[in-house]
Amino acid sequence: MSFIIELSRPVESRLQSEAIKAGVSTTEYAAELIAKSLPVVTLDLAEQKRLNAPSIQLLEAWLQRARTPATAEQIAEAEAEQAAFMRNMNAPRKESGERLLYPDVETLKEGG
């Protein structure tokens, strides 16, 4: 939606000056000012639940997965992936002589 707003010269100058300081166009800056000055619209409970449903389903799936006991094979695989990740994160730092993010990773066994 677009509007045409007549501004006095001093207000227009201040708006342009502040937009330049913010690094945005005058139009963008004016839109931000208007949006910030308007009250926040609160949703009714049913609409909040509807909008939150996908996030809640995802969190519940993660919780269910966390409650399911892992097999020894899954644990070993996860530990091996973690050790590989840490080694990969260390590699460029090791080459450049920087402090390693995971200095103890070299002591871990290759298989976990």
PDB file of N, CA and C in Angstrom:
ATOM      1  N   MET A   1       0.853  -1.162   0.000  1.00  0.00           N
ATOM      2  CA  MET A   1       0.000   0.000   0.000  1.00  0.00           C
ATOM      3  C   MET A   1       0.901   1.228   0.000  1.00  0.00           C
ATOM      4  N   SER A   2       0.517   2.220  -0.713  1.00  0.00           N
ATOM      5  CA  SER A   2       1.325   3.437  -0.741  1.00  0.00           C
ATOM      6  C   SER A   2       0.459   4.634  -0.374  1.00  0.00           C
ATOM      7  N   PHE A   3       1.117   5.627   0.198  1.00  0.00           N
ATOM      8  CA  PHE A   3       0.469   6.867   0.611  1.00  0.00           C
ATOM      9  C   PHE A   3       1.285   8.041   0.093  1.00  0.00           C
ATOM     10  N   ILE A   4       0.619   9.143  -0.065  1.00  0.00           N
ATOM     11  CA  ILE A   4       1.312  10.386  -0.353  1.00  0.00           C
ATOM     12  C   ILE A   4       1.106  11.275   0.866  1.00  0.00           C
ATOM     13  N   ILE A   5       2.229  11.673   1.467  1.00  0.00           N
ATOM     14  CA  ILE A   5       2.160  12.493   2.674  1.00  0.00           C
ATOM     15  C   ILE A   5       2.877  13.806   2.401  1.00  0.00           C
ATOM     16  N   GLU A   6       2.201  14.902   2.659  1.00  0.00           N
ATOM     17  CA  GLU A   6       2.812  16.223   2.503  1.00  0.00           C
ATOM     18  C   GLU A   6       3.525  16.571   3.803  1.00  0.00           C
ATOM     19  N   LEU A   7       4.811  16.851   3.694  1.00  0.00           N
ATOM     20  CA  LEU A   7       5.612  17.211   4.867  1.00  0.00           C
ATOM     21  C   LEU A   7       6.121  18.644   4.708  1.00  0.00           C
ATOM     22  N   SER A   8       6.271  19.296   5.845  1.00  0.00           N
ATOM     23  CA  SER A   8       6.879  20.629   5.800  1.00  0.00           C
ATOM     24  C   SER A   8       8.362  20.464   5.467  1.00  0.00           C
ATOM     25  N   ARG A   9       8.979  21.505   4.966  1.00  0.00           N
ATOM     26  CA  ARG A   9      10.398  21.446   4.580  1.00  0.00           C
ATOM     27  C   ARG A   9      11.295  20.997   5.739  1.00  0.00           C
ATOM     28  N   PRO A  10      11.113  21.574   6.939  1.00  0.00           N
ATOM     29  CA  PRO A  10      11.986  21.151   8.049  1.00  0.00           C
ATOM     30  C   PRO A  10      11.829  19.659   8.377  1.00  0.00           C
ATOM     31  N   VAL A  11      10.593  19.161   8.363  1.00  0.00           N
ATOM     32  CA  VAL A  11      10.355  17.743   8.660  1.00  0.00           C
ATOM     33  C   VAL A  11      10.947  16.872   7.563  1.00  0.00           C
ATOM     34  N   GLU A  12      10.772  17.279   6.315  1.00  0.00           N
ATOM     35  CA  GLU A  12      11.324  16.533   5.193  1.00  0.00           C
ATOM     36  C   GLU A  12      12.849  16.469   5.286  1.00  0.00           C
ATOM     37  N   SER A  13      13.473  17.574   5.632  1.00  0.00           N
ATOM     38  CA  SER A  13      14.934  17.615   5.769  1.00  0.00           C
ATOM     39  C   SER A  13      15.411  16.697   6.884  1.00  0.00           C
ATOM     40  N   ARG A  14      14.715  16.739   8.021  1.00  0.00           N
ATOM     41  CA  ARG A  14      15.089  15.861   9.140  1.00  0.00           C
ATOM     42  C   ARG A  14      14.922  14.397   8.756  1.00  0.00           C
ATOM     43  N   LEU A  15      13.832  14.089   8.055  1.00  0.00           N
ATOM     44  CA  LEU A  15      13.572  12.712   7.622  1.00  0.00           C
ATOM     45  C   LEU A  15      14.689  12.231   6.687  1.00  0.00           C
ATOM     46  N   GLN A  16      15.053  13.051   5.729  1.00  0.00           N
ATOM     47  CA  GLN A  16      16.117  12.680   4.796  1.00  0.00           C
ATOM     48  C   GLN A  16      17.448  12.514   5.520  1.00  0.00           C
ATOM     49  N   SER A  17      17.733  13.409   6.425  1.00  0.00           N
ATOM     50  CA  SER A  17      18.981  13.351   7.186  1.00  0.00           C
ATOM     51  C   SER A  17      19.072  12.065   8.008  1.00  0.00           C
ATOM     52  N   GLU A  18      17.993  11.714   8.697  1.00  0.00           N
ATOM     53  CA  GLU A  18      17.977  10.503   9.519  1.00  0.00           C
ATOM     54  C   GLU A  18      18.040   9.241   8.658  1.00  0.00           C
ATOM     55  N   ALA A  19      17.407   9.281   7.500  1.00  0.00           N
ATOM     56  CA  ALA A  19      17.455   8.126   6.589  1.00  0.00           C
ATOM     57  C   ALA A  19      18.874   7.907   6.101  1.00  0.00           C
ATOM     58  N   ILE A  20      19.575   8.988   5.782  1.00  0.00           N
ATOM     59  CA  ILE A  20      20.967   8.874   5.344  1.00  0.00           C
ATOM     60  C   ILE A  20      21.825   8.283   6.460  1.00  0.00           C
ATOM     61  N   LYS A  21      21.635   8.762   7.682  1.00  0.00           N
ATOM     62  CA  LYS A  21      22.372   8.227   8.830  1.00  0.00           C
ATOM     63  C   LYS A  21      22.113   6.735   9.005  1.00  0.00           C
ATOM     64  N   ALA A  22      20.862   6.315   8.775  1.00  0.00           N
ATOM     65  CA  ALA A  22      20.485   4.899   8.936  1.00  0.00           C
ATOM     66  C   ALA A  22      20.899   4.066   7.738  1.00  0.00           C
ATOM     67  N   GLY A  23      21.282   4.723   6.646  1.00  0.00           N
ATOM     68  CA  GLY A  23      21.717   3.996   5.460  1.00  0.00           C
ATOM     69  C   GLY A  23      20.587   3.371   4.662  1.00  0.00           C
ATOM     70  N   VAL A  24      19.421   3.970   4.746  1.00  0.00           N
ATOM     71  CA  VAL A  24      18.265   3.468   3.987  1.00  0.00           C
ATOM     72  C   VAL A  24      17.629   4.611   3.223  1.00  0.00           C
ATOM     73  N   SER A  25      16.714   4.269   2.334  1.00  0.00           N
ATOM     74  CA  SER A  25      16.019   5.315   1.582  1.00  0.00           C
ATOM     75  C   SER A  25      15.065   6.056   2.516  1.00  0.00           C
ATOM     76  N   THR A  26      14.687   7.255   2.089  1.00  0.00           N
ATOM     77  CA  THR A  26      13.751   8.053   2.877  1.00  0.00           C
ATOM     78  C   THR A  26      12.424   7.317   3.038  1.00  0.00           C
ATOM     79  N   THR A  27      11.989   6.650   1.979  1.00  0.00           N
ATOM     80  CA  THR A  27      10.734   5.896   2.034  1.00  0.00           C
ATOM     81  C   THR A  27      10.816   4.768   3.050  1.00  0.00           C
ATOM     82  N   GLU A  28      11.926   4.015   3.012  1.00  0.00           N
ATOM     83  CA  GLU A  28      12.095   2.914   3.967  1.00  0.00           C
ATOM     84  C   GLU A  28      12.120   3.437   5.400  1.00  0.00           C
ATOM     85  N   TYR A  29      12.836   4.533   5.597  1.00  0.00           N
ATOM     86  CA  TYR A  29      12.943   5.096   6.939  1.00  0.00           C
ATOM     87  C   TYR A  29      11.578   5.554   7.447  1.00  0.00           C
ATOM     88  N   ALA A  30      10.811   6.217   6.585  1.00  0.00           N
ATOM     89  CA  ALA A  30       9.479   6.674   6.978  1.00  0.00           C
ATOM     90  C   ALA A  30       8.582   5.486   7.320  1.00  0.00           C
ATOM     91  N   ALA A  31       8.667   4.414   6.516  1.00  0.00           N
ATOM     92  CA  ALA A  31       7.860   3.223   6.787  1.00  0.00           C
ATOM     93  C   ALA A  31       8.238   2.599   8.126  1.00  0.00           C
ATOM     94  N   GLU A  32       9.548   2.563   8.434  1.00  0.00           N
ATOM     95  CA  GLU A  32       9.992   2.027   9.726  1.00  0.00           C
ATOM     96  C   GLU A  32       9.464   2.865  10.884  1.00  0.00           C
ATOM     97  N   LEU A  33       9.528   4.183  10.736  1.00  0.00           N
ATOM     98  CA  LEU A  33       9.020   5.072  11.791  1.00  0.00           C
ATOM     99  C   LEU A  33       7.542   4.826  12.050  1.00  0.00           C
ATOM    100  N   ILE A  34       6.779   4.702  10.995  1.00  0.00           N
ATOM    101  CA  ILE A  34       5.339   4.469  11.138  1.00  0.00           C
ATOM    102  C   ILE A  34       5.083   3.123  11.800  1.00  0.00           C
ATOM    103  N   ALA A  35       5.783   2.087  11.334  1.00  0.00           N
ATOM    104  CA  ALA A  35       5.588   0.745  11.900  1.00  0.00           C
ATOM    105  C   ALA A  35       5.932   0.710  13.384  1.00  0.00           C
ATOM    106  N   LYS A  36       7.014   1.401  13.769  1.00  0.00           N
ATOM    107  CA  LYS A  36       7.424   1.425  15.180  1.00  0.00           C
ATOM    108  C   LYS A  36       6.429   2.172  16.053  1.00  0.00           C
ATOM    109  N   SER A  37       5.745   3.151  15.490  1.00  0.00           N
ATOM    110  CA  SER A  37       4.835   3.965  16.292  1.00  0.00           C
ATOM    111  C   SER A  37       3.454   3.341  16.450  1.00  0.00           C
ATOM    112  N   LEU A  38       3.135   2.336  15.641  1.00  0.00           N
ATOM    113  CA  LEU A  38       1.816   1.698  15.723  1.00  0.00           C
ATOM    114  C   LEU A  38       1.803   0.650  16.832  1.00  0.00           C
ATOM    115  N   PRO A  39       0.655   0.467  17.483  1.00  0.00           N
ATOM    116  CA  PRO A  39       0.583  -0.548  18.534  1.00  0.00           C
ATOM    117  C   PRO A  39       0.712  -1.954  17.949  1.00  0.00           C
ATOM    118  N   VAL A  40       1.243  -2.840  18.774  1.00  0.00           N
ATOM    119  CA  VAL A  40       1.376  -4.233  18.364  1.00  0.00           C
ATOM    120  C   VAL A  40       0.009  -4.894  18.411  1.00  0.00           C
ATOM    121  N   VAL A  41      -0.318  -5.625  17.357  1.00  0.00           N
ATOM    122  CA  VAL A  41      -1.599  -6.322  17.305  1.00  0.00           C
ATOM    123  C   VAL A  41      -1.413  -7.686  17.953  1.00  0.00           C
ATOM    124  N   THR A  42      -2.248  -7.977  18.921  1.00  0.00           N
ATOM    125  CA  THR A  42      -2.162  -9.281  19.566  1.00  0.00           C
ATOM    126  C   THR A  42      -3.202 -10.207  18.946  1.00  0.00           C
ATOM    127  N   LEU A  43      -2.802 -11.448  18.749  1.00  0.00           N
ATOM    128  CA  LEU A  43      -3.681 -12.440  18.145  1.00  0.00           C
ATOM    129  C   LEU A  43      -4.509 -13.115  19.225  1.00  0.00           C
ATOM    130  N   ASP A  44      -5.683 -13.581  18.850  1.00  0.00           N
ATOM    131  CA  ASP A  44      -6.469 -14.326  19.825  1.00  0.00           C
ATOM    132  C   ASP A  44      -5.816 -15.694  20.036  1.00  0.00           C
ATOM    133  N   LEU A  45      -6.207 -16.367  21.093  1.00  0.00           N
ATOM    134  CA  LEU A  45      -5.567 -17.623  21.486  1.00  0.00           C
ATOM    135  C   LEU A  45      -5.652 -18.683  20.396  1.00  0.00           C
ATOM    136  N   ALA A  46      -6.773 -18.807  19.725  1.00  0.00           N
ATOM    137  CA  ALA A  46      -6.931 -19.811  18.669  1.00  0.00           C
ATOM    138  C   ALA A  46      -5.969 -19.548  17.516  1.00  0.00           C
ATOM    139  N   GLU A  47      -5.804 -18.290  17.134  1.00  0.00           N
ATOM    140  CA  GLU A  47      -4.890 -17.938  16.047  1.00  0.00           C
ATOM    141  C   GLU A  47      -3.442 -18.176  16.464  1.00  0.00           C
ATOM    142  N   GLN A  48      -3.104 -17.871  17.712  1.00  0.00           N
ATOM    143  CA  GLN A  48      -1.751 -18.141  18.212  1.00  0.00           C
ATOM    144  C   GLN A  48      -1.451 -19.639  18.156  1.00  0.00           C
ATOM    145  N   LYS A  49      -2.406 -20.453  18.587  1.00  0.00           N
ATOM    146  CA  LYS A  49      -2.216 -21.909  18.562  1.00  0.00           C
ATOM    147  C   LYS A  49      -2.044 -22.402  17.130  1.00  0.00           C
ATOM    148  N   ARG A  50      -2.850 -21.883  16.214  1.00  0.00           N
ATOM    149  CA  ARG A  50      -2.753 -22.299  14.815  1.00  0.00           C
ATOM    150  C   ARG A  50      -1.378 -21.961  14.234  1.00  0.00           C
ATOM    151  N   LEU A  51      -0.891 -20.760  14.520  1.00  0.00           N
ATOM    152  CA  LEU A  51       0.405 -20.334  14.006  1.00  0.00           C
ATOM    153  C   LEU A  51       1.569 -21.085  14.649  1.00  0.00           C
ATOM    154  N   ASN A  52       1.401 -21.472  15.911  1.00  0.00           N
ATOM    155  CA  ASN A  52       2.467 -22.172  16.630  1.00  0.00           C
ATOM    156  C   ASN A  52       2.470 -23.682  16.403  1.00  0.00           C
ATOM    157  N   ALA A  53       1.405 -24.224  15.831  1.00  0.00           N
ATOM    158  CA  ALA A  53       1.263 -25.678  15.701  1.00  0.00           C
ATOM    159  C   ALA A  53       2.452 -26.353  15.007  1.00  0.00           C
ATOM    160  N   PRO A  54       2.963 -25.859  13.871  1.00  0.00           N
ATOM    161  CA  PRO A  54       4.096 -26.536  13.240  1.00  0.00           C
ATOM    162  C   PRO A  54       5.340 -26.572  14.128  1.00  0.00           C
ATOM    163  N   SER A  55       5.602 -25.490  14.836  1.00  0.00           N
ATOM    164  CA  SER A  55       6.768 -25.454  15.726  1.00  0.00           C
ATOM    165  C   SER A  55       6.591 -26.426  16.882  1.00  0.00           C
ATOM    166  N   ILE A  56       5.402 -26.472  17.424  1.00  0.00           N
ATOM    167  CA  ILE A  56       5.127 -27.384  18.539  1.00  0.00           C
ATOM    168  C   ILE A  56       5.257 -28.829  18.085  1.00  0.00           C
ATOM    169  N   GLN A  57       4.767 -29.150  16.895  1.00  0.00           N
ATOM    170  CA  GLN A  57       4.911 -30.513  16.372  1.00  0.00           C
ATOM    171  C   GLN A  57       6.372 -30.896  16.218  1.00  0.00           C
ATOM    172  N   LEU A  58       7.183 -29.980  15.723  1.00  0.00           N
ATOM    173  CA  LEU A  58       8.605 -30.251  15.558  1.00  0.00           C
ATOM    174  C   LEU A  58       9.275 -30.475  16.904  1.00  0.00           C
ATOM    175  N   LEU A  59       8.985 -29.624  17.880  1.00  0.00           N
ATOM    176  CA  LEU A  59       9.561 -29.784  19.215  1.00  0.00           C
ATOM    177  C   LEU A  59       9.127 -31.102  19.850  1.00  0.00           C
ATOM    178  N   GLU A  60       7.856 -31.469  19.681  1.00  0.00           N
ATOM    179  CA  GLU A  60       7.379 -32.740  20.229  1.00  0.00           C
ATOM    180  C   GLU A  60       8.075 -33.921  19.571  1.00  0.00           C
ATOM    181  N   ALA A  61       8.330 -33.841  18.274  1.00  0.00           N
ATOM    182  CA  ALA A  61       9.050 -34.913  17.578  1.00  0.00           C
ATOM    183  C   ALA A  61      10.467 -35.028  18.117  1.00  0.00           C
ATOM    184  N   TRP A  62      11.117 -33.891  18.350  1.00  0.00           N
ATOM    185  CA  TRP A  62      12.477 -33.919  18.908  1.00  0.00           C
ATOM    186  C   TRP A  62      12.474 -34.515  20.304  1.00  0.00           C
ATOM    187  N   LEU A  63      11.484 -34.140  21.117  1.00  0.00           N
ATOM    188  CA  LEU A  63      11.398 -34.690  22.473  1.00  0.00           C
ATOM    189  C   LEU A  63      11.176 -36.200  22.437  1.00  0.00           C
ATOM    190  N   GLN A  64      10.304 -36.654  21.543  1.00  0.00           N
ATOM    191  CA  GLN A  64      10.044 -38.088  21.422  1.00  0.00           C
ATOM    192  C   GLN A  64      11.317 -38.826  21.029  1.00  0.00           C
ATOM    193  N   ARG A  65      12.059 -38.252  20.068  1.00  0.00           N
ATOM    194  CA  ARG A  65      13.310 -38.879  19.639  1.00  0.00           C
ATOM    195  C   ARG A  65      14.316 -38.911  20.796  1.00  0.00           C
ATOM    196  N   ALA A  66      14.337 -37.841  21.607  1.00  0.00           N
ATOM    197  CA  ALA A  66      15.259 -37.780  22.737  1.00  0.00           C
ATOM    198  C   ALA A  66      14.887 -38.791  23.814  1.00  0.00           C
ATOM    199  N   ARG A  67      13.599 -39.118  23.934  1.00  0.00           N
ATOM    200  CA  ARG A  67      13.151 -40.083  24.949  1.00  0.00           C
ATOM    201  C   ARG A  67      13.397 -41.529  24.520  1.00  0.00           C
ATOM    202  N   THR A  68      13.586 -41.742  23.215  1.00  0.00           N
ATOM    203  CA  THR A  68      13.813 -43.089  22.705  1.00  0.00           C
ATOM    204  C   THR A  68      15.266 -43.461  22.933  1.00  0.00           C
ATOM    205  N   PRO A  69      15.515 -44.557  23.651  1.00  0.00           N
ATOM    206  CA  PRO A  69      16.901 -44.943  23.927  1.00  0.00           C
ATOM    207  C   PRO A  69      17.660 -45.235  22.632  1.00  0.00           C
ATOM    208  N   ALA A  70      18.889 -44.761  22.572  1.00  0.00           N
ATOM    209  CA  ALA A  70      19.737 -45.002  21.412  1.00  0.00           C
ATOM    210  C   ALA A  70      20.439 -46.349  21.561  1.00  0.00           C
ATOM    211  N   THR A  71      20.640 -47.002  20.441  1.00  0.00           N
ATOM    212  CA  THR A  71      21.381 -48.264  20.456  1.00  0.00           C
ATOM    213  C   THR A  71      22.874 -47.949  20.565  1.00  0.00           C
ATOM    214  N   ALA A  72      23.639 -48.952  20.922  1.00  0.00           N
ATOM    215  CA  ALA A  72      25.085 -48.778  21.022  1.00  0.00           C
ATOM    216  C   ALA A  72      25.666 -48.357  19.674  1.00  0.00           C
ATOM    217  N   GLU A  73      25.101 -48.914  18.603  1.00  0.00           N
ATOM    218  CA  GLU A  73      25.576 -48.563  17.261  1.00  0.00           C
ATOM    219  C   GLU A  73      25.292 -47.091  16.950  1.00  0.00           C
ATOM    220  N   GLN A  74      24.107 -46.595  17.305  1.00  0.00           N
ATOM    221  CA  GLN A  74      23.757 -45.193  17.072  1.00  0.00           C
ATOM    222  C   GLN A  74      24.664 -44.264  17.880  1.00  0.00           C
ATOM    223  N   ILE A  75      24.950 -44.649  19.108  1.00  0.00           N
ATOM    224  CA  ILE A  75      25.824 -43.841  19.958  1.00  0.00           C
ATOM    225  C   ILE A  75      27.230 -43.785  19.365  1.00  0.00           C
ATOM    226  N   ALA A  76      27.752 -44.932  18.940  1.00  0.00           N
ATOM    227  CA  ALA A  76      29.089 -44.974  18.343  1.00  0.00           C
ATOM    228  C   ALA A  76      29.139 -44.133  17.074  1.00  0.00           C
ATOM    229  N   GLU A  77      28.094 -44.212  16.260  1.00  0.00           N
ATOM    230  CA  GLU A  77      28.043 -43.434  15.017  1.00  0.00           C
ATOM    231  C   GLU A  77      28.011 -41.931  15.327  1.00  0.00           C
ATOM    232  N   ALA A  78      27.226 -41.542  16.310  1.00  0.00           N
ATOM    233  CA  ALA A  78      27.133 -40.130  16.685  1.00  0.00           C
ATOM    234  C   ALA A  78      28.468 -39.622  17.228  1.00  0.00           C
ATOM    235  N   GLU A  79      29.149 -40.437  18.028  1.00  0.00           N
ATOM    236  CA  GLU A  79      30.449 -40.034  18.569  1.00  0.00           C
ATOM    237  C   GLU A  79      31.483 -39.898  17.459  1.00  0.00           C
ATOM    238  N   ALA A  80      31.440 -40.811  16.480  1.00  0.00           N
ATOM    239  CA  ALA A  80      32.371 -40.735  15.353  1.00  0.00           C
ATOM    240  C   ALA A  80      32.106 -39.477  14.525  1.00  0.00           C
ATOM    241  N   GLU A  81      30.829 -39.160  14.297  1.00  0.00           N
ATOM    242  CA  GLU A  81      30.474 -37.936  13.556  1.00  0.00           C
ATOM    243  C   GLU A  81      30.946 -36.690  14.304  1.00  0.00           C
ATOM    244  N   GLN A  82      30.774 -36.696  15.616  1.00  0.00           N
ATOM    245  CA  GLN A  82      31.201 -35.552  16.414  1.00  0.00           C
ATOM    246  C   GLN A  82      32.718 -35.386  16.353  1.00  0.00           C
ATOM    247  N   ALA A  83      33.459 -36.485  16.485  1.00  0.00           N
ATOM    248  CA  ALA A  83      34.922 -36.410  16.425  1.00  0.00           C
ATOM    249  C   ALA A  83      35.374 -35.924  15.050  1.00  0.00           C
ATOM    250  N   ALA A  84      34.728 -36.401  13.988  1.00  0.00           N
ATOM    251  CA  ALA A  84      35.078 -35.960  12.629  1.00  0.00           C
ATOM    252  C   ALA A  84      34.790 -34.469  12.466  1.00  0.00           C
ATOM    253  N   PHE A  85      33.670 -34.026  12.984  1.00  0.00           N
ATOM    254  CA  PHE A  85      33.328 -32.601  12.926  1.00  0.00           C
ATOM    255  C   PHE A  85      34.400 -31.775  13.633  1.00  0.00           C
ATOM    256  N   MET A  86      34.786 -32.185  14.829  1.00  0.00           N
ATOM    257  CA  MET A  86      35.778 -31.428  15.590  1.00  0.00           C
ATOM    258  C   MET A  86      37.129 -31.407  14.865  1.00  0.00           C
ATOM    259  N   ARG A  87      37.517 -32.539  14.282  1.00  0.00           N
ATOM    260  CA  ARG A  87      38.774 -32.572  13.520  1.00  0.00           C
ATOM    261  C   ARG A  87      38.701 -31.635  12.322  1.00  0.00           C
ATOM    262  N   ASN A  88      37.578 -31.645  11.620  1.00  0.00           N
ATOM    263  CA  ASN A  88      37.407 -30.772  10.463  1.00  0.00           C
ATOM    264  C   ASN A  88      37.417 -29.296  10.857  1.00  0.00           C
ATOM    265  N   MET A  89      36.865 -28.979  12.014  1.00  0.00           N
ATOM    266  CA  MET A  89      36.898 -27.597  12.490  1.00  0.00           C
ATOM    267  C   MET A  89      38.314 -27.188  12.888  1.00  0.00           C
ATOM    268  N   ASN A  90      39.088 -28.123  13.406  1.00  0.00           N
ATOM    269  CA  ASN A  90      40.460 -27.833  13.816  1.00  0.00           C
ATOM    270  C   ASN A  90      41.412 -27.696  12.634  1.00  0.00           C
ATOM    271  N   ALA A  91      41.162 -28.427  11.547  1.00  0.00           N
ATOM    272  CA  ALA A  91      42.131 -28.530  10.447  1.00  0.00           C
ATOM    273  C   ALA A  91      42.626 -27.180   9.930  1.00  0.00           C
ATOM    274  N   PRO A  92      41.764 -26.248   9.528  1.00  0.00           N
ATOM    275  CA  PRO A  92      42.291 -24.984   9.012  1.00  0.00           C
ATOM    276  C   PRO A  92      43.012 -24.169  10.074  1.00  0.00           C
ATOM    277  N   ARG A  93      42.569 -24.289  11.307  1.00  0.00           N
ATOM    278  CA  ARG A  93      43.218 -23.552  12.390  1.00  0.00           C
ATOM    279  C   ARG A  93      44.601 -24.136  12.664  1.00  0.00           C
ATOM    280  N   LYS A  94      44.718 -25.434  12.570  1.00  0.00           N
ATOM    281  CA  LYS A  94      46.002 -26.094  12.774  1.00  0.00           C
ATOM    282  C   LYS A  94      46.990 -25.658  11.693  1.00  0.00           C
ATOM    283  N   GLU A  95      46.522 -25.608  10.443  1.00  0.00           N
ATOM    284  CA  GLU A  95      47.364 -25.203   9.313  1.00  0.00           C
ATOM    285  C   GLU A  95      47.843 -23.763   9.451  1.00  0.00           C
ATOM    286  N   SER A  96      46.997 -22.894  10.000  1.00  0.00           N
ATOM    287  CA  SER A  96      47.371 -21.488  10.109  1.00  0.00           C
ATOM    288  C   SER A  96      48.045 -21.159  11.438  1.00  0.00           C
ATOM    289  N   GLY A  97      48.160 -22.147  12.325  1.00  0.00           N
ATOM    290  CA  GLY A  97      48.825 -21.928  13.606  1.00  0.00           C
ATOM    291  C   GLY A  97      47.943 -21.281  14.657  1.00  0.00           C
ATOM    292  N   GLU A  98      46.641 -21.205  14.388  1.00  0.00           N
ATOM    293  CA  GLU A  98      45.725 -20.618  15.365  1.00  0.00           C
ATOM    294  C   GLU A  98      45.421 -21.617  16.478  1.00  0.00           C
ATOM    295  N   ARG A  99      44.855 -21.091  17.559  1.00  0.00           N
ATOM    296  CA  ARG A  99      44.445 -21.934  18.678  1.00  0.00           C
ATOM    297  C   ARG A  99      43.354 -22.884  18.204  1.00  0.00           C
ATOM    298  N   LEU A 100      43.478 -24.170  18.571  1.00  0.00           N
ATOM    299  CA  LEU A 100      42.491 -25.165  18.161  1.00  0.00           C
ATOM    300  C   LEU A 100      41.211 -24.998  18.983  1.00  0.00           C
ATOM    301  N   LEU A 101      40.091 -25.180  18.316  1.00  0.00           N
ATOM    302  CA  LEU A 101      38.805 -25.114  19.001  1.00  0.00           C
ATOM    303  C   LEU A 101      38.598 -26.334  19.887  1.00  0.00           C
ATOM    304  N   TYR A 102      39.096 -27.465  19.430  1.00  0.00           N
ATOM    305  CA  TYR A 102      38.930 -28.740  20.145  1.00  0.00           C
ATOM    306  C   TYR A 102      40.303 -29.388  20.313  1.00  0.00           C
ATOM    307  N   PRO A 103      41.097 -28.924  21.281  1.00  0.00           N
ATOM    308  CA  PRO A 103      42.460 -29.439  21.415  1.00  0.00           C
ATOM    309  C   PRO A 103      42.519 -30.914  21.813  1.00  0.00           C
ATOM    310  N   ASP A 104      41.505 -31.420  22.472  1.00  0.00           N
ATOM    311  CA  ASP A 104      41.533 -32.808  22.945  1.00  0.00           C
ATOM    312  C   ASP A 104      41.003 -33.800  21.929  1.00  0.00           C
ATOM    313  N   VAL A 105      40.565 -33.362  20.769  1.00  0.00           N
ATOM    314  CA  VAL A 105      39.938 -34.257  19.796  1.00  0.00           C
ATOM    315  C   VAL A 105      40.935 -35.287  19.279  1.00  0.00           C
ATOM    316  N   GLU A 106      42.205 -34.948  19.225  1.00  0.00           N
ATOM    317  CA  GLU A 106      43.197 -35.885  18.699  1.00  0.00           C
ATOM    318  C   GLU A 106      43.352 -37.111  19.598  1.00  0.00           C
ATOM    319  N   THR A 107      42.967 -36.981  20.865  1.00  0.00           N
ATOM    320  CA  THR A 107      43.090 -38.120  21.777  1.00  0.00           C
ATOM    321  C   THR A 107      41.914 -39.085  21.652  1.00  0.00           C
ATOM    322  N   LEU A 108      40.858 -38.660  20.942  1.00  0.00           N
ATOM    323  CA  LEU A 108      39.702 -39.534  20.750  1.00  0.00           C
ATOM    324  C   LEU A 108      40.042 -40.610  19.732  1.00  0.00           C
ATOM    325  N   LYS A 109      39.483 -41.782  19.938  1.00  0.00           N
ATOM    326  CA  LYS A 109      39.689 -42.856  18.969  1.00  0.00           C
ATOM    327  C   LYS A 109      39.002 -42.496  17.667  1.00  0.00           C
ATOM    328  N   GLU A 110      39.523 -43.011  16.557  1.00  0.00           N
ATOM    329  CA  GLU A 110      38.956 -42.734  15.227  1.00  0.00           C
ATOM    330  C   GLU A 110      37.514 -43.192  15.158  1.00  0.00           C
ATOM    331  N   GLY A 111      37.182 -44.288  15.782  1.00  0.00           N
ATOM    332  CA  GLY A 111      35.819 -44.815  15.716  1.00  0.00           C
ATOM    333  C   GLY A 111      34.906 -44.211  16.746  1.00  0.00           C
ATOM    334  N   GLY A 112      35.331 -43.215  17.490  1.00  0.00           N
ATOM    335  CA  GLY A 112      34.476 -42.586  18.486  1.00  0.00           C
ATOM    336  C   GLY A 112      35.214 -42.490  19.716  1.00  0.00           C
TER     337      GLY A 112
END
